[in-house]
Amino acid sequence: MSSIDTLALFNYQDDDAFDMHFSPRVKKLSKVHWSPLPVVQKAAAFLAPHPGCRIIDIGSGVGKFCIAAAHHYPESEFHGVEQRESLHLTAERSKALSGLENVHFMHGDFTQLSLNTYTGIYFFNSFAENLYSFGRIDNTIQHSVSLYNYYANYLYKILEEKSSGTKLATYHVDENDIPICYELVASDFQDNLKLWIRR
């Protein structure tokens, strides 16, 4: 299959069309757990305003944000970290199908990863599963309120340590979970998408 054929498998404007290559189970989860394409486009435009940006998606799932963002901004790099191996493997398969070279996926816990080299962070509240028993992706990982607090506090500390000018895009994240050293510069999609800059 040529690169033109693989690129044709993805529709970067329509969520249902984009999700067509996923399994029925992943497609069912999509509307709750993966970012809608209009949100991806808005967030990526903010996070990658010029060539050479390096963006990390914390809890990248099946890779939808990274792949769609990488398509729209080919001169920047989009990285995703995901702790569920099955989702990571789906993301790697999607990357191969997309033919994109500026997207990269890692399998693991974000707390074991240095975020020093990233100019921007995307975060669609992947910790929330620890607070609710309904709507979980699966039970292959542990869930608890203490884990939520651990992850949230760890991310808070990482955000505080980032350098001035770091960009952050959050989706379905409470403002109180973001350090006060970040300035909210814009919001959209009924205030669910928020765009921040580290002072």
N, C-alpha and C. Protein backbone atom coordinates (compact mmCIF):
# COMPACT_ATOMS: atom_id res chain seq x y z
N MET A 1 0.85 -1.20 0.00
CA MET A 1 0.00 0.00 0.00
C MET A 1 0.88 1.24 0.00
N SER A 2 0.63 2.17 -0.89
CA SER A 2 1.45 3.38 -0.98
C SER A 2 1.10 4.36 0.13
N SER A 3 1.97 5.37 0.32
CA SER A 3 1.69 6.37 1.36
C SER A 3 0.43 7.14 1.04
N ILE A 4 0.15 7.35 -0.25
CA ILE A 4 -1.08 8.05 -0.63
C ILE A 4 -2.30 7.23 -0.22
N ASP A 5 -2.21 5.91 -0.42
CA ASP A 5 -3.32 5.04 -0.03
C ASP A 5 -3.53 5.05 1.47
N THR A 6 -2.44 5.02 2.25
CA THR A 6 -2.59 5.00 3.70
C THR A 6 -3.17 6.31 4.21
N LEU A 7 -2.71 7.43 3.65
CA LEU A 7 -3.25 8.72 4.08
C LEU A 7 -4.74 8.83 3.78
N ALA A 8 -5.19 8.15 2.71
CA ALA A 8 -6.59 8.22 2.33
C ALA A 8 -7.49 7.49 3.33
N LEU A 9 -6.89 6.65 4.19
CA LEU A 9 -7.68 5.93 5.18
C LEU A 9 -8.22 6.86 6.26
N PHE A 10 -7.62 8.04 6.41
CA PHE A 10 -8.00 8.95 7.48
C PHE A 10 -8.75 10.16 6.91
N ASN A 11 -9.83 10.50 7.57
CA ASN A 11 -10.54 11.74 7.28
C ASN A 11 -10.33 12.65 8.48
N TYR A 12 -9.61 13.73 8.28
CA TYR A 12 -9.21 14.59 9.39
C TYR A 12 -10.23 15.69 9.69
N GLN A 13 -11.41 15.60 9.08
CA GLN A 13 -12.44 16.60 9.30
C GLN A 13 -13.69 16.02 9.97
N ASP A 14 -13.85 14.71 9.97
CA ASP A 14 -15.08 14.08 10.46
C ASP A 14 -14.72 12.97 11.44
N ASP A 15 -15.23 13.06 12.66
CA ASP A 15 -14.88 12.09 13.71
C ASP A 15 -15.28 10.67 13.36
N ASP A 16 -16.51 10.48 12.90
CA ASP A 16 -16.96 9.12 12.59
C ASP A 16 -16.12 8.51 11.47
N ALA A 17 -15.78 9.32 10.47
CA ALA A 17 -14.96 8.83 9.37
C ALA A 17 -13.54 8.52 9.85
N PHE A 18 -12.99 9.37 10.70
CA PHE A 18 -11.65 9.13 11.24
C PHE A 18 -11.61 7.82 12.02
N ASP A 19 -12.68 7.55 12.77
CA ASP A 19 -12.72 6.38 13.64
C ASP A 19 -12.99 5.07 12.91
N MET A 20 -13.25 5.11 11.61
CA MET A 20 -13.69 3.93 10.89
C MET A 20 -12.69 2.77 10.95
N HIS A 21 -11.39 3.08 11.03
CA HIS A 21 -10.40 2.01 11.02
C HIS A 21 -10.20 1.39 12.40
N PHE A 22 -10.83 1.97 13.44
CA PHE A 22 -10.72 1.40 14.78
C PHE A 22 -11.65 0.19 14.93
N SER A 23 -11.39 -0.62 15.94
CA SER A 23 -12.25 -1.76 16.25
C SER A 23 -13.60 -1.24 16.76
N PRO A 24 -14.66 -2.06 16.71
CA PRO A 24 -15.97 -1.63 17.22
C PRO A 24 -15.90 -1.16 18.68
N ARG A 25 -15.10 -1.82 19.49
CA ARG A 25 -14.99 -1.43 20.90
C ARG A 25 -14.37 -0.04 21.03
N VAL A 26 -13.31 0.22 20.29
CA VAL A 26 -12.64 1.52 20.35
C VAL A 26 -13.55 2.61 19.80
N LYS A 27 -14.26 2.33 18.73
CA LYS A 27 -15.20 3.31 18.17
C LYS A 27 -16.28 3.66 19.19
N LYS A 28 -16.73 2.68 19.95
CA LYS A 28 -17.76 2.94 20.97
C LYS A 28 -17.23 3.86 22.06
N LEU A 29 -15.96 3.73 22.38
CA LEU A 29 -15.35 4.57 23.42
C LEU A 29 -15.00 5.97 22.93
N SER A 30 -14.95 6.14 21.63
CA SER A 30 -14.38 7.35 21.04
C SER A 30 -15.03 8.64 21.51
N LYS A 31 -16.35 8.68 21.53
CA LYS A 31 -17.05 9.93 21.84
C LYS A 31 -16.80 10.41 23.26
N VAL A 32 -16.41 9.50 24.14
CA VAL A 32 -16.16 9.87 25.54
C VAL A 32 -14.67 10.10 25.80
N HIS A 33 -13.82 9.25 25.23
CA HIS A 33 -12.42 9.22 25.64
C HIS A 33 -11.42 9.82 24.67
N TRP A 34 -11.79 10.03 23.40
CA TRP A 34 -10.83 10.60 22.45
C TRP A 34 -11.32 11.99 22.05
N SER A 35 -10.39 12.88 21.83
CA SER A 35 -10.72 14.28 21.55
C SER A 35 -11.42 14.44 20.20
N PRO A 36 -12.50 15.22 20.14
CA PRO A 36 -13.15 15.52 18.85
C PRO A 36 -12.18 16.28 17.95
N LEU A 37 -12.28 16.05 16.65
CA LEU A 37 -11.35 16.67 15.72
C LEU A 37 -11.37 18.21 15.74
N PRO A 38 -12.53 18.87 15.89
CA PRO A 38 -12.48 20.34 16.00
C PRO A 38 -11.68 20.81 17.21
N VAL A 39 -11.75 20.06 18.30
CA VAL A 39 -10.96 20.38 19.50
C VAL A 39 -9.48 20.18 19.21
N VAL A 40 -9.15 19.08 18.53
CA VAL A 40 -7.76 18.80 18.17
C VAL A 40 -7.20 19.95 17.34
N GLN A 41 -7.94 20.38 16.34
CA GLN A 41 -7.45 21.43 15.44
C GLN A 41 -7.21 22.74 16.20
N LYS A 42 -8.14 23.10 17.07
CA LYS A 42 -7.99 24.34 17.84
C LYS A 42 -6.81 24.26 18.80
N ALA A 43 -6.69 23.13 19.51
CA ALA A 43 -5.60 22.97 20.46
C ALA A 43 -4.26 22.92 19.76
N ALA A 44 -4.18 22.19 18.65
CA ALA A 44 -2.92 22.06 17.92
C ALA A 44 -2.46 23.39 17.34
N ALA A 45 -3.40 24.18 16.86
CA ALA A 45 -3.05 25.50 16.32
C ALA A 45 -2.41 26.37 17.39
N PHE A 46 -2.88 26.23 18.62
CA PHE A 46 -2.32 27.00 19.74
C PHE A 46 -0.97 26.43 20.17
N LEU A 47 -0.87 25.11 20.23
CA LEU A 47 0.35 24.48 20.75
C LEU A 47 1.51 24.49 19.77
N ALA A 48 1.20 24.54 18.48
CA ALA A 48 2.26 24.48 17.46
C ALA A 48 2.15 25.66 16.50
N PRO A 49 2.39 26.88 16.99
CA PRO A 49 2.21 28.07 16.15
C PRO A 49 3.31 28.28 15.12
N HIS A 50 4.41 27.55 15.24
CA HIS A 50 5.52 27.70 14.30
C HIS A 50 6.25 26.37 14.19
N PRO A 51 7.04 26.17 13.14
CA PRO A 51 7.79 24.92 12.97
C PRO A 51 8.72 24.66 14.15
N GLY A 52 8.91 23.37 14.43
CA GLY A 52 9.87 22.98 15.46
C GLY A 52 9.31 22.79 16.84
N CYS A 53 7.99 22.95 17.02
CA CYS A 53 7.38 22.73 18.34
C CYS A 53 7.36 21.24 18.65
N ARG A 54 7.48 20.92 19.93
CA ARG A 54 7.41 19.53 20.40
C ARG A 54 6.29 19.43 21.43
N ILE A 55 5.26 18.67 21.11
CA ILE A 55 4.06 18.60 21.94
C ILE A 55 3.93 17.20 22.52
N ILE A 56 3.54 17.11 23.79
CA ILE A 56 3.29 15.83 24.44
C ILE A 56 1.82 15.74 24.84
N ASP A 57 1.19 14.62 24.52
CA ASP A 57 -0.18 14.33 24.93
C ASP A 57 -0.11 13.32 26.06
N ILE A 58 -0.54 13.72 27.24
CA ILE A 58 -0.48 12.85 28.42
C ILE A 58 -1.75 12.01 28.49
N GLY A 59 -1.59 10.70 28.35
CA GLY A 59 -2.73 9.80 28.26
C GLY A 59 -3.27 9.80 26.84
N SER A 60 -2.41 9.41 25.90
CA SER A 60 -2.71 9.59 24.48
C SER A 60 -3.67 8.56 23.89
N GLY A 61 -4.03 7.54 24.67
CA GLY A 61 -5.04 6.58 24.20
C GLY A 61 -4.66 5.93 22.89
N VAL A 62 -5.59 5.98 21.93
CA VAL A 62 -5.36 5.36 20.62
C VAL A 62 -4.65 6.30 19.65
N GLY A 63 -4.22 7.46 20.14
CA GLY A 63 -3.39 8.34 19.34
C GLY A 63 -4.12 9.36 18.48
N LYS A 64 -5.41 9.53 18.70
CA LYS A 64 -6.20 10.39 17.82
C LYS A 64 -5.70 11.83 17.82
N PHE A 65 -5.47 12.40 19.00
CA PHE A 65 -4.99 13.79 19.05
C PHE A 65 -3.67 13.93 18.30
N CYS A 66 -2.70 13.07 18.62
CA CYS A 66 -1.37 13.21 18.02
C CYS A 66 -1.41 13.05 16.50
N ILE A 67 -2.16 12.08 16.01
CA ILE A 67 -2.18 11.82 14.58
C ILE A 67 -2.86 12.96 13.82
N ALA A 68 -4.01 13.39 14.32
CA ALA A 68 -4.72 14.48 13.64
C ALA A 68 -3.91 15.78 13.71
N ALA A 69 -3.32 16.06 14.87
CA ALA A 69 -2.52 17.28 15.02
C ALA A 69 -1.28 17.22 14.13
N ALA A 70 -0.64 16.06 14.08
CA ALA A 70 0.56 15.91 13.25
C ALA A 70 0.25 16.08 11.77
N HIS A 71 -0.94 15.67 11.36
CA HIS A 71 -1.36 15.87 9.97
C HIS A 71 -1.47 17.36 9.65
N HIS A 72 -2.06 18.13 10.54
CA HIS A 72 -2.28 19.55 10.29
C HIS A 72 -1.01 20.38 10.46
N TYR A 73 -0.07 19.90 11.28
CA TYR A 73 1.15 20.66 11.56
C TYR A 73 2.38 19.76 11.34
N PRO A 74 2.69 19.49 10.08
CA PRO A 74 3.75 18.52 9.74
C PRO A 74 5.15 18.97 10.12
N GLU A 75 5.34 20.25 10.43
CA GLU A 75 6.68 20.73 10.77
C GLU A 75 6.91 20.78 12.28
N SER A 76 5.97 20.25 13.04
CA SER A 76 6.15 20.09 14.48
C SER A 76 6.03 18.62 14.84
N GLU A 77 6.48 18.25 16.04
CA GLU A 77 6.44 16.85 16.48
C GLU A 77 5.38 16.69 17.56
N PHE A 78 4.65 15.59 17.47
CA PHE A 78 3.62 15.28 18.45
C PHE A 78 3.91 13.91 19.05
N HIS A 79 4.04 13.89 20.38
CA HIS A 79 4.37 12.67 21.11
C HIS A 79 3.23 12.33 22.05
N GLY A 80 2.97 11.04 22.20
CA GLY A 80 1.93 10.60 23.12
C GLY A 80 2.47 9.55 24.07
N VAL A 81 2.04 9.59 25.32
CA VAL A 81 2.40 8.56 26.29
C VAL A 81 1.12 7.95 26.83
N GLU A 82 1.07 6.63 26.85
CA GLU A 82 -0.14 5.89 27.25
C GLU A 82 0.26 4.66 28.05
N GLN A 83 -0.41 4.46 29.21
CA GLN A 83 -0.03 3.34 30.06
C GLN A 83 -0.70 2.02 29.68
N ARG A 84 -1.82 2.06 28.98
CA ARG A 84 -2.47 0.81 28.56
C ARG A 84 -1.79 0.28 27.29
N GLU A 85 -1.27 -0.93 27.36
CA GLU A 85 -0.54 -1.48 26.22
C GLU A 85 -1.45 -1.65 25.01
N SER A 86 -2.69 -2.08 25.22
CA SER A 86 -3.59 -2.30 24.08
C SER A 86 -3.87 -1.01 23.33
N LEU A 87 -4.03 0.09 24.04
CA LEU A 87 -4.26 1.37 23.39
C LEU A 87 -2.99 1.87 22.70
N HIS A 88 -1.87 1.65 23.35
CA HIS A 88 -0.59 2.03 22.74
C HIS A 88 -0.39 1.30 21.41
N LEU A 89 -0.69 0.01 21.38
CA LEU A 89 -0.52 -0.77 20.15
C LEU A 89 -1.48 -0.29 19.06
N THR A 90 -2.69 0.11 19.47
CA THR A 90 -3.63 0.67 18.50
C THR A 90 -3.10 1.98 17.93
N ALA A 91 -2.51 2.79 18.80
CA ALA A 91 -1.92 4.06 18.34
C ALA A 91 -0.78 3.82 17.37
N GLU A 92 0.06 2.84 17.66
CA GLU A 92 1.18 2.53 16.76
C GLU A 92 0.66 2.04 15.40
N ARG A 93 -0.39 1.25 15.42
CA ARG A 93 -0.98 0.77 14.17
C ARG A 93 -1.55 1.95 13.38
N SER A 94 -2.22 2.86 14.08
CA SER A 94 -2.80 4.03 13.42
C SER A 94 -1.71 4.91 12.83
N LYS A 95 -0.61 5.05 13.56
CA LYS A 95 0.52 5.83 13.04
C LYS A 95 1.02 5.22 11.73
N ALA A 96 1.16 3.91 11.71
CA ALA A 96 1.64 3.23 10.49
C ALA A 96 0.67 3.46 9.34
N LEU A 97 -0.62 3.38 9.63
CA LEU A 97 -1.62 3.59 8.59
C LEU A 97 -1.63 5.03 8.08
N SER A 98 -1.32 5.96 8.97
CA SER A 98 -1.37 7.38 8.59
C SER A 98 -0.22 7.77 7.66
N GLY A 99 0.90 7.07 7.78
CA GLY A 99 2.07 7.44 6.99
C GLY A 99 2.81 8.66 7.51
N LEU A 100 2.40 9.17 8.66
CA LEU A 100 3.02 10.38 9.22
C LEU A 100 4.33 10.03 9.92
N GLU A 101 5.31 10.93 9.78
CA GLU A 101 6.62 10.71 10.40
C GLU A 101 6.88 11.64 11.58
N ASN A 102 5.97 12.56 11.83
CA ASN A 102 6.18 13.52 12.92
C ASN A 102 5.32 13.22 14.14
N VAL A 103 4.94 11.96 14.29
CA VAL A 103 4.17 11.52 15.45
C VAL A 103 4.86 10.31 16.06
N HIS A 104 4.91 10.27 17.41
CA HIS A 104 5.64 9.23 18.12
C HIS A 104 4.85 8.83 19.36
N PHE A 105 4.83 7.53 19.66
CA PHE A 105 4.08 7.04 20.81
C PHE A 105 4.99 6.25 21.75
N MET A 106 4.74 6.42 23.05
CA MET A 106 5.48 5.71 24.08
C MET A 106 4.50 4.97 24.98
N HIS A 107 4.89 3.76 25.39
CA HIS A 107 4.07 2.98 26.32
C HIS A 107 4.66 3.13 27.71
N GLY A 108 3.87 3.66 28.65
CA GLY A 108 4.36 3.80 30.00
C GLY A 108 3.58 4.82 30.80
N ASP A 109 4.07 5.06 32.01
CA ASP A 109 3.48 5.99 32.96
C ASP A 109 4.15 7.36 32.78
N PHE A 110 3.35 8.41 32.63
CA PHE A 110 3.94 9.72 32.36
C PHE A 110 4.83 10.20 33.50
N THR A 111 4.64 9.65 34.70
CA THR A 111 5.48 10.08 35.83
C THR A 111 6.92 9.59 35.69
N GLN A 112 7.15 8.66 34.78
CA GLN A 112 8.50 8.16 34.54
C GLN A 112 9.17 8.85 33.35
N LEU A 113 8.52 9.88 32.83
CA LEU A 113 8.97 10.55 31.62
C LEU A 113 9.37 11.98 31.92
N SER A 114 10.50 12.42 31.39
CA SER A 114 10.89 13.83 31.51
C SER A 114 10.15 14.65 30.46
N LEU A 115 9.57 15.75 30.90
CA LEU A 115 8.85 16.63 29.98
C LEU A 115 9.64 17.89 29.65
N ASN A 116 10.92 17.88 29.97
CA ASN A 116 11.75 19.08 29.81
C ASN A 116 11.86 19.55 28.37
N THR A 117 11.84 18.62 27.42
CA THR A 117 12.11 19.00 26.02
C THR A 117 10.86 19.42 25.26
N TYR A 118 9.71 19.40 25.91
CA TYR A 118 8.45 19.71 25.21
C TYR A 118 8.08 21.18 25.38
N THR A 119 7.69 21.79 24.27
CA THR A 119 7.28 23.20 24.30
C THR A 119 5.80 23.36 24.62
N GLY A 120 5.04 22.28 24.50
CA GLY A 120 3.61 22.33 24.75
C GLY A 120 3.08 21.01 25.26
N ILE A 121 1.99 21.08 26.00
CA ILE A 121 1.37 19.90 26.60
C ILE A 121 -0.11 19.91 26.29
N TYR A 122 -0.63 18.75 25.88
CA TYR A 122 -2.07 18.57 25.71
C TYR A 122 -2.55 17.59 26.76
N PHE A 123 -3.67 17.93 27.44
CA PHE A 123 -4.16 17.05 28.50
C PHE A 123 -5.68 17.02 28.49
N PHE A 124 -6.22 15.89 28.04
CA PHE A 124 -7.65 15.59 28.12
C PHE A 124 -7.78 14.69 29.33
N ASN A 125 -8.34 15.20 30.39
CA ASN A 125 -8.29 14.62 31.73
C ASN A 125 -8.33 13.09 31.80
N SER A 126 -7.17 12.49 31.56
CA SER A 126 -7.08 11.03 31.56
C SER A 126 -7.06 10.44 32.96
N PHE A 127 -6.97 11.28 33.99
CA PHE A 127 -6.98 10.77 35.37
C PHE A 127 -8.39 10.55 35.90
N ALA A 128 -9.40 11.11 35.25
CA ALA A 128 -10.76 11.12 35.79
C ALA A 128 -11.34 9.72 35.98
N GLU A 129 -10.84 8.75 35.25
CA GLU A 129 -11.31 7.36 35.41
C GLU A 129 -11.19 6.89 36.85
N ASN A 130 -10.22 7.47 37.57
CA ASN A 130 -10.00 7.05 38.95
C ASN A 130 -11.10 7.52 39.89
N LEU A 131 -11.92 8.47 39.44
CA LEU A 131 -12.96 9.03 40.31
C LEU A 131 -14.33 8.43 40.06
N TYR A 132 -14.51 7.76 38.91
CA TYR A 132 -15.84 7.26 38.54
C TYR A 132 -15.75 5.81 38.13
N SER A 133 -16.76 5.03 38.53
CA SER A 133 -16.79 3.62 38.15
C SER A 133 -17.46 3.40 36.80
N PHE A 134 -18.23 4.40 36.33
CA PHE A 134 -18.88 4.25 35.03
C PHE A 134 -18.02 4.88 33.95
N GLY A 135 -18.13 4.35 32.74
CA GLY A 135 -17.44 4.94 31.61
C GLY A 135 -15.96 4.65 31.53
N ARG A 136 -15.46 3.73 32.34
CA ARG A 136 -14.04 3.40 32.27
C ARG A 136 -13.73 2.64 30.99
N ILE A 137 -12.51 2.81 30.52
CA ILE A 137 -12.10 2.13 29.29
C ILE A 137 -12.06 0.63 29.49
N ASP A 138 -11.44 0.19 30.57
CA ASP A 138 -11.37 -1.23 30.92
C ASP A 138 -10.84 -1.32 32.36
N ASN A 139 -10.59 -2.52 32.82
CA ASN A 139 -10.07 -2.73 34.17
C ASN A 139 -8.66 -3.32 34.15
N THR A 140 -7.90 -3.01 33.11
CA THR A 140 -6.54 -3.54 33.01
C THR A 140 -5.54 -2.76 33.84
N ILE A 141 -5.96 -1.60 34.37
CA ILE A 141 -5.10 -0.83 35.25
C ILE A 141 -5.85 -0.56 36.55
N GLN A 142 -5.12 -0.19 37.58
CA GLN A 142 -5.74 0.10 38.87
C GLN A 142 -6.46 1.45 38.82
N HIS A 143 -7.53 1.55 39.61
CA HIS A 143 -8.27 2.81 39.73
C HIS A 143 -8.49 3.10 41.22
N SER A 144 -8.26 4.34 41.62
CA SER A 144 -8.54 4.74 43.00
C SER A 144 -8.46 6.25 43.10
N VAL A 145 -9.11 6.79 44.11
CA VAL A 145 -9.04 8.23 44.37
C VAL A 145 -7.61 8.63 44.71
N SER A 146 -6.90 7.77 45.43
CA SER A 146 -5.52 8.10 45.79
C SER A 146 -4.63 8.18 44.54
N LEU A 147 -4.90 7.33 43.54
CA LEU A 147 -4.15 7.41 42.28
C LEU A 147 -4.46 8.72 41.56
N TYR A 148 -5.74 9.10 41.57
CA TYR A 148 -6.11 10.38 40.94
C TYR A 148 -5.31 11.52 41.59
N ASN A 149 -5.30 11.54 42.92
CA ASN A 149 -4.60 12.61 43.62
C ASN A 149 -3.10 12.58 43.34
N TYR A 150 -2.54 11.38 43.27
CA TYR A 150 -1.11 11.25 42.98
C TYR A 150 -0.78 11.80 41.60
N TYR A 151 -1.54 11.37 40.59
CA TYR A 151 -1.29 11.83 39.22
C TYR A 151 -1.52 13.34 39.08
N ALA A 152 -2.62 13.82 39.67
CA ALA A 152 -2.95 15.24 39.55
C ALA A 152 -1.88 16.10 40.22
N ASN A 153 -1.43 15.68 41.39
CA ASN A 153 -0.39 16.44 42.10
C ASN A 153 0.94 16.39 41.35
N TYR A 154 1.23 15.24 40.75
CA TYR A 154 2.48 15.11 40.00
C TYR A 154 2.47 16.02 38.77
N LEU A 155 1.35 16.02 38.05
CA LEU A 155 1.24 16.89 36.88
C LEU A 155 1.32 18.35 37.28
N TYR A 156 0.67 18.71 38.38
CA TYR A 156 0.70 20.09 38.88
C TYR A 156 2.15 20.53 39.11
N LYS A 157 2.93 19.66 39.73
CA LYS A 157 4.33 19.99 40.01
C LYS A 157 5.13 20.14 38.72
N ILE A 158 4.90 19.23 37.77
CA ILE A 158 5.59 19.32 36.48
C ILE A 158 5.27 20.64 35.78
N LEU A 159 3.99 21.00 35.79
CA LEU A 159 3.58 22.25 35.14
C LEU A 159 4.25 23.45 35.79
N GLU A 160 4.34 23.44 37.11
CA GLU A 160 5.00 24.54 37.82
C GLU A 160 6.47 24.67 37.41
N GLU A 161 7.11 23.54 37.13
CA GLU A 161 8.54 23.54 36.84
C GLU A 161 8.86 23.87 35.38
N LYS A 162 7.84 23.89 34.52
CA LYS A 162 8.09 24.21 33.11
C LYS A 162 8.52 25.66 32.96
N SER A 163 9.25 25.94 31.90
CA SER A 163 9.79 27.28 31.68
C SER A 163 8.72 28.25 31.19
N SER A 164 8.99 29.52 31.36
CA SER A 164 8.08 30.57 30.89
C SER A 164 7.85 30.43 29.39
N GLY A 165 6.61 30.59 28.98
CA GLY A 165 6.26 30.48 27.58
C GLY A 165 5.72 29.12 27.18
N THR A 166 5.84 28.13 28.08
CA THR A 166 5.28 26.81 27.79
C THR A 166 3.79 26.94 27.57
N LYS A 167 3.28 26.26 26.55
CA LYS A 167 1.86 26.30 26.24
C LYS A 167 1.18 25.02 26.73
N LEU A 168 -0.04 25.18 27.21
CA LEU A 168 -0.81 24.07 27.75
C LEU A 168 -2.24 24.17 27.22
N ALA A 169 -2.74 23.06 26.69
CA ALA A 169 -4.14 22.98 26.28
C ALA A 169 -4.80 21.88 27.09
N THR A 170 -5.88 22.23 27.80
CA THR A 170 -6.60 21.25 28.61
C THR A 170 -8.02 21.10 28.11
N TYR A 171 -8.53 19.87 28.20
CA TYR A 171 -9.90 19.58 27.77
C TYR A 171 -10.59 18.86 28.91
N HIS A 172 -11.69 19.44 29.37
CA HIS A 172 -12.44 18.91 30.51
C HIS A 172 -11.56 18.81 31.77
N VAL A 173 -10.86 19.89 32.05
CA VAL A 173 -10.02 19.98 33.24
C VAL A 173 -10.41 21.22 34.02
N ASP A 174 -10.57 21.08 35.33
CA ASP A 174 -10.95 22.21 36.18
C ASP A 174 -9.81 23.22 36.29
N GLU A 175 -10.14 24.49 36.24
CA GLU A 175 -9.13 25.54 36.34
C GLU A 175 -8.31 25.43 37.62
N ASN A 176 -8.93 24.95 38.70
CA ASN A 176 -8.22 24.85 39.98
C ASN A 176 -7.12 23.79 39.95
N ASP A 177 -7.11 22.93 38.93
CA ASP A 177 -6.08 21.91 38.82
C ASP A 177 -4.84 22.42 38.08
N ILE A 178 -4.87 23.68 37.66
CA ILE A 178 -3.76 24.27 36.91
C ILE A 178 -3.06 25.30 37.80
N PRO A 179 -1.73 25.26 37.87
CA PRO A 179 -1.01 26.21 38.73
C PRO A 179 -1.31 27.67 38.36
N ILE A 180 -1.27 28.54 39.35
CA ILE A 180 -1.60 29.95 39.12
C ILE A 180 -0.55 30.66 38.27
N CYS A 181 0.59 30.01 38.05
CA CYS A 181 1.62 30.61 37.19
C CYS A 181 1.26 30.48 35.71
N TYR A 182 0.13 29.84 35.40
CA TYR A 182 -0.35 29.76 34.02
C TYR A 182 -1.48 30.75 33.82
N GLU A 183 -1.38 31.49 32.73
CA GLU A 183 -2.41 32.46 32.37
C GLU A 183 -3.36 31.84 31.36
N LEU A 184 -4.66 31.91 31.66
CA LEU A 184 -5.68 31.43 30.73
C LEU A 184 -5.85 32.49 29.64
N VAL A 185 -5.52 32.13 28.41
CA VAL A 185 -5.55 33.12 27.33
C VAL A 185 -6.75 32.94 26.40
N ALA A 186 -7.38 31.78 26.44
CA ALA A 186 -8.56 31.56 25.59
C ALA A 186 -9.27 30.30 26.03
N SER A 187 -10.55 30.22 25.71
CA SER A 187 -11.32 29.00 25.95
C SER A 187 -12.34 28.85 24.83
N ASP A 188 -12.79 27.62 24.62
CA ASP A 188 -13.73 27.35 23.54
C ASP A 188 -14.49 26.07 23.86
N PHE A 189 -15.43 25.73 23.00
CA PHE A 189 -16.24 24.52 23.16
C PHE A 189 -16.88 24.48 24.54
N GLN A 190 -17.68 25.54 24.79
CA GLN A 190 -18.40 25.72 26.06
C GLN A 190 -17.44 25.70 27.25
N ASP A 191 -16.28 26.31 27.06
CA ASP A 191 -15.23 26.42 28.08
C ASP A 191 -14.60 25.09 28.46
N ASN A 192 -14.87 24.03 27.71
CA ASN A 192 -14.25 22.74 28.01
C ASN A 192 -12.80 22.69 27.54
N LEU A 193 -12.49 23.41 26.45
CA LEU A 193 -11.10 23.52 25.99
C LEU A 193 -10.54 24.84 26.51
N LYS A 194 -9.45 24.75 27.24
CA LYS A 194 -8.81 25.95 27.77
C LYS A 194 -7.35 25.98 27.31
N LEU A 195 -6.91 27.18 26.95
CA LEU A 195 -5.56 27.38 26.43
C LEU A 195 -4.79 28.29 27.39
N TRP A 196 -3.61 27.82 27.78
CA TRP A 196 -2.84 28.47 28.83
C TRP A 196 -1.41 28.74 28.37
N ILE A 197 -0.78 29.76 28.99
CA ILE A 197 0.63 30.02 28.77
C ILE A 197 1.30 30.20 30.14
N ARG A 198 2.44 29.54 30.31
CA ARG A 198 3.22 29.69 31.54
C ARG A 198 3.85 31.07 31.57
N ARG A 199 3.59 31.82 32.65
CA ARG A 199 4.14 33.17 32.78
C ARG A 199 5.66 33.11 32.98
